[in-house]
């Protein structure tokens, strides 16, 4: 029988607040956009 997955990371205090702030207002850089475009090209070349 499979064992349940245990969560290994629990954020508390200021770390948790910062996580939720970033979730609500993500920062998207030109570098990140470039990575997504590169990934899309790789996907399109290799899909079946």
PDB file of N, CA and C in Angstrom:
ATOM      1  N   UNK A   1       0.843  -1.176   0.000  1.00  0.00           N
ATOM      2  CA  UNK A   1       0.000   0.000   0.000  1.00  0.00           C
ATOM      3  C   UNK A   1       0.895   1.249   0.000  1.00  0.00           C
ATOM      4  N   UNK A   2       0.489   2.267  -0.719  1.00  0.00           N
ATOM      5  CA  UNK A   2       1.266   3.501  -0.805  1.00  0.00           C
ATOM      6  C   UNK A   2       1.206   4.275   0.503  1.00  0.00           C
ATOM      7  N   UNK A   3       2.327   4.919   0.818  1.00  0.00           N
ATOM      8  CA  UNK A   3       2.380   5.747   2.021  1.00  0.00           C
ATOM      9  C   UNK A   3       1.916   7.165   1.681  1.00  0.00           C
ATOM     10  N   UNK A   4       1.242   7.826   2.602  1.00  0.00           N
ATOM     11  CA  UNK A   4       0.828   9.204   2.345  1.00  0.00           C
ATOM     12  C   UNK A   4       2.048  10.119   2.236  1.00  0.00           C
ATOM     13  N   UNK A   5       1.924  11.139   1.424  1.00  0.00           N
ATOM     14  CA  UNK A   5       3.001  12.112   1.266  1.00  0.00           C
ATOM     15  C   UNK A   5       2.958  13.089   2.428  1.00  0.00           C
ATOM     16  N   UNK A   6       4.113  13.302   3.046  1.00  0.00           N
ATOM     17  CA  UNK A   6       4.191  14.259   4.142  1.00  0.00           C
ATOM     18  C   UNK A   6       4.710  15.587   3.612  1.00  0.00           C
ATOM     19  N   UNK A   7       4.096  16.669   4.048  1.00  0.00           N
ATOM     20  CA  UNK A   7       4.576  17.985   3.660  1.00  0.00           C
ATOM     21  C   UNK A   7       5.880  18.269   4.391  1.00  0.00           C
ATOM     22  N   UNK A   8       6.860  18.788   3.673  1.00  0.00           N
ATOM     23  CA  UNK A   8       8.158  19.024   4.284  1.00  0.00           C
ATOM     24  C   UNK A   8       8.432  20.480   4.572  1.00  0.00           C
ATOM     25  N   UNK A   9       7.605  21.387   4.092  1.00  0.00           N
ATOM     26  CA  UNK A   9       7.865  22.810   4.269  1.00  0.00           C
ATOM     27  C   UNK A   9       6.613  23.487   4.791  1.00  0.00           C
ATOM     28  N   UNK A  10       6.760  24.185   5.888  1.00  0.00           N
ATOM     29  CA  UNK A  10       5.657  24.945   6.465  1.00  0.00           C
ATOM     30  C   UNK A  10       6.163  26.363   6.698  1.00  0.00           C
ATOM     31  N   UNK A  11       5.524  27.319   6.060  1.00  0.00           N
ATOM     32  CA  UNK A  11       5.920  28.712   6.220  1.00  0.00           C
ATOM     33  C   UNK A  11       5.129  29.345   7.345  1.00  0.00           C
ATOM     34  N   UNK A  12       5.815  30.147   8.134  1.00  0.00           N
ATOM     35  CA  UNK A  12       5.162  30.821   9.250  1.00  0.00           C
ATOM     36  C   UNK A  12       5.609  32.276   9.303  1.00  0.00           C
ATOM     37  N   UNK A  13       4.825  33.093   9.961  1.00  0.00           N
ATOM     38  CA  UNK A  13       5.195  34.480  10.206  1.00  0.00           C
ATOM     39  C   UNK A  13       5.417  35.271   8.933  1.00  0.00           C
ATOM     40  N   UNK A  14       6.515  36.032   8.916  1.00  0.00           N
ATOM     41  CA  UNK A  14       6.815  36.915   7.786  1.00  0.00           C
ATOM     42  C   UNK A  14       7.052  36.137   6.498  1.00  0.00           C
ATOM     43  N   UNK A  15       7.622  34.934   6.584  1.00  0.00           N
ATOM     44  CA  UNK A  15       7.833  34.113   5.390  1.00  0.00           C
ATOM     45  C   UNK A  15       6.504  33.769   4.727  1.00  0.00           C
ATOM     46  N   UNK A  16       5.510  33.412   5.522  1.00  0.00           N
ATOM     47  CA  UNK A  16       4.190  33.081   4.978  1.00  0.00           C
ATOM     48  C   UNK A  16       3.537  34.315   4.359  1.00  0.00           C
ATOM     49  N   UNK A  17       3.663  35.466   5.019  1.00  0.00           N
ATOM     50  CA  UNK A  17       3.082  36.704   4.487  1.00  0.00           C
ATOM     51  C   UNK A  17       3.719  37.061   3.149  1.00  0.00           C
ATOM     52  N   UNK A  18       5.041  36.934   3.067  1.00  0.00           N
ATOM     53  CA  UNK A  18       5.735  37.245   1.819  1.00  0.00           C
ATOM     54  C   UNK A  18       5.312  36.293   0.707  1.00  0.00           C
ATOM     55  N   UNK A  19       5.155  35.012   1.026  1.00  0.00           N
ATOM     56  CA  UNK A  19       4.708  34.027   0.043  1.00  0.00           C
ATOM     57  C   UNK A  19       3.355  34.422  -0.544  1.00  0.00           C
ATOM     58  N   UNK A  20       2.397  34.768   0.317  1.00  0.00           N
ATOM     59  CA  UNK A  20       1.063  35.123  -0.160  1.00  0.00           C
ATOM     60  C   UNK A  20       1.058  36.444  -0.917  1.00  0.00           C
ATOM     61  N   UNK A  21       1.913  37.401  -0.514  1.00  0.00           N
ATOM     62  CA  UNK A  21       2.027  38.660  -1.275  1.00  0.00           C
ATOM     63  C   UNK A  21       2.524  38.360  -2.688  1.00  0.00           C
ATOM     64  N   UNK A  22       3.515  37.492  -2.808  1.00  0.00           N
ATOM     65  CA  UNK A  22       4.060  37.140  -4.113  1.00  0.00           C
ATOM     66  C   UNK A  22       3.059  36.356  -4.957  1.00  0.00           C
ATOM     67  N   UNK A  23       2.222  35.568  -4.327  1.00  0.00           N
ATOM     68  CA  UNK A  23       1.188  34.831  -5.047  1.00  0.00           C
ATOM     69  C   UNK A  23       0.153  35.789  -5.640  1.00  0.00           C
ATOM     70  N   UNK A  24      -0.184  36.823  -4.902  1.00  0.00           N
ATOM     71  CA  UNK A  24      -1.185  37.784  -5.365  1.00  0.00           C
ATOM     72  C   UNK A  24      -0.631  38.722  -6.434  1.00  0.00           C
ATOM     73  N   UNK A  25       0.648  39.066  -6.333  1.00  0.00           N
ATOM     74  CA  UNK A  25       1.262  40.034  -7.243  1.00  0.00           C
ATOM     75  C   UNK A  25       2.600  39.502  -7.743  1.00  0.00           C
ATOM     76  N   UNK A  26       2.587  38.518  -8.620  1.00  0.00           N
ATOM     77  CA  UNK A  26       3.854  37.954  -9.088  1.00  0.00           C
ATOM     78  C   UNK A  26       4.641  38.960  -9.929  1.00  0.00           C
ATOM     79  N   UNK A  27       5.961  38.888  -9.822  1.00  0.00           N
ATOM     80  CA  UNK A  27       6.845  39.746 -10.597  1.00  0.00           C
ATOM     81  C   UNK A  27       7.319  38.943 -11.804  1.00  0.00           C
ATOM     82  N   UNK A  28       7.091  39.493 -12.999  1.00  0.00           N
ATOM     83  CA  UNK A  28       7.482  38.810 -14.227  1.00  0.00           C
ATOM     84  C   UNK A  28       8.572  39.645 -14.894  1.00  0.00           C
ATOM     85  N   UNK A  29       9.759  39.062 -15.005  1.00  0.00           N
ATOM     86  CA  UNK A  29      10.873  39.772 -15.627  1.00  0.00           C
ATOM     87  C   UNK A  29      11.001  39.394 -17.098  1.00  0.00           C
ATOM     88  N   UNK A  30      11.777  40.169 -17.840  1.00  0.00           N
ATOM     89  CA  UNK A  30      12.040  39.856 -19.241  1.00  0.00           C
ATOM     90  C   UNK A  30      12.737  38.505 -19.354  1.00  0.00           C
ATOM     91  N   UNK A  31      13.597  38.202 -18.393  1.00  0.00           N
ATOM     92  CA  UNK A  31      14.294  36.910 -18.396  1.00  0.00           C
ATOM     93  C   UNK A  31      13.300  35.755 -18.270  1.00  0.00           C
ATOM     94  N   UNK A  32      12.332  35.898 -17.394  1.00  0.00           N
ATOM     95  CA  UNK A  32      11.330  34.856 -17.203  1.00  0.00           C
ATOM     96  C   UNK A  32      10.482  34.675 -18.467  1.00  0.00           C
ATOM     97  N   UNK A  33      10.113  35.773 -19.094  1.00  0.00           N
ATOM     98  CA  UNK A  33       9.347  35.693 -20.341  1.00  0.00           C
ATOM     99  C   UNK A  33      10.156  34.956 -21.399  1.00  0.00           C
ATOM    100  N   UNK A  34      11.447  35.243 -21.476  1.00  0.00           N
ATOM    101  CA  UNK A  34      12.320  34.562 -22.421  1.00  0.00           C
ATOM    102  C   UNK A  34      12.391  33.068 -22.162  1.00  0.00           C
ATOM    103  N   UNK A  35      12.426  32.684 -20.891  1.00  0.00           N
ATOM    104  CA  UNK A  35      12.453  31.258 -20.552  1.00  0.00           C
ATOM    105  C   UNK A  35      11.172  30.566 -20.993  1.00  0.00           C
ATOM    106  N   UNK A  36      10.032  31.233 -20.802  1.00  0.00           N
ATOM    107  CA  UNK A  36       8.766  30.651 -21.253  1.00  0.00           C
ATOM    108  C   UNK A  36       8.737  30.502 -22.773  1.00  0.00           C
ATOM    109  N   UNK A  37       9.223  31.516 -23.488  1.00  0.00           N
ATOM    110  CA  UNK A  37       9.248  31.438 -24.948  1.00  0.00           C
ATOM    111  C   UNK A  37      10.150  30.301 -25.415  1.00  0.00           C
ATOM    112  N   UNK A  38      11.305  30.171 -24.784  1.00  0.00           N
ATOM    113  CA  UNK A  38      12.233  29.091 -25.131  1.00  0.00           C
ATOM    114  C   UNK A  38      11.591  27.728 -24.871  1.00  0.00           C
ATOM    115  N   UNK A  39      10.926  27.602 -23.726  1.00  0.00           N
ATOM    116  CA  UNK A  39      10.243  26.348 -23.399  1.00  0.00           C
ATOM    117  C   UNK A  39       9.147  26.017 -24.400  1.00  0.00           C
ATOM    118  N   UNK A  40       8.427  27.033 -24.836  1.00  0.00           N
ATOM    119  CA  UNK A  40       7.362  26.817 -25.819  1.00  0.00           C
ATOM    120  C   UNK A  40       7.940  26.315 -27.137  1.00  0.00           C
ATOM    121  N   UNK A  41       9.057  26.906 -27.573  1.00  0.00           N
ATOM    122  CA  UNK A  41       9.694  26.466 -28.818  1.00  0.00           C
ATOM    123  C   UNK A  41      10.167  25.025 -28.707  1.00  0.00           C
ATOM    124  N   UNK A  42      10.766  24.668 -27.574  1.00  0.00           N
ATOM    125  CA  UNK A  42      11.234  23.299 -27.359  1.00  0.00           C
ATOM    126  C   UNK A  42      10.050  22.330 -27.399  1.00  0.00           C
ATOM    127  N   UNK A  43       8.962  22.705 -26.738  1.00  0.00           N
ATOM    128  CA  UNK A  43       7.761  21.872 -26.728  1.00  0.00           C
ATOM    129  C   UNK A  43       7.230  21.665 -28.151  1.00  0.00           C
ATOM    130  N   UNK A  44       7.124  22.763 -28.889  1.00  0.00           N
ATOM    131  CA  UNK A  44       6.559  22.667 -30.237  1.00  0.00           C
ATOM    132  C   UNK A  44       7.414  21.809 -31.159  1.00  0.00           C
ATOM    133  N   UNK A  45       8.726  21.808 -30.982  1.00  0.00           N
ATOM    134  CA  UNK A  45       9.613  20.999 -31.810  1.00  0.00           C
ATOM    135  C   UNK A  45       9.553  19.512 -31.436  1.00  0.00           C
ATOM    136  N   UNK A  46       9.155  19.200 -30.222  1.00  0.00           N
ATOM    137  CA  UNK A  46       9.238  17.824 -29.728  1.00  0.00           C
ATOM    138  C   UNK A  46       7.906  17.153 -29.445  1.00  0.00           C
ATOM    139  N   UNK A  47       6.800  17.822 -29.713  1.00  0.00           N
ATOM    140  CA  UNK A  47       5.512  17.177 -29.439  1.00  0.00           C
ATOM    141  C   UNK A  47       5.179  16.185 -30.561  1.00  0.00           C
ATOM    142  N   UNK A  48       4.306  15.281 -30.255  1.00  0.00           N
ATOM    143  CA  UNK A  48       3.963  14.238 -31.212  1.00  0.00           C
ATOM    144  C   UNK A  48       2.755  14.596 -31.997  1.00  0.00           C
TER     145      UNK A  48
END
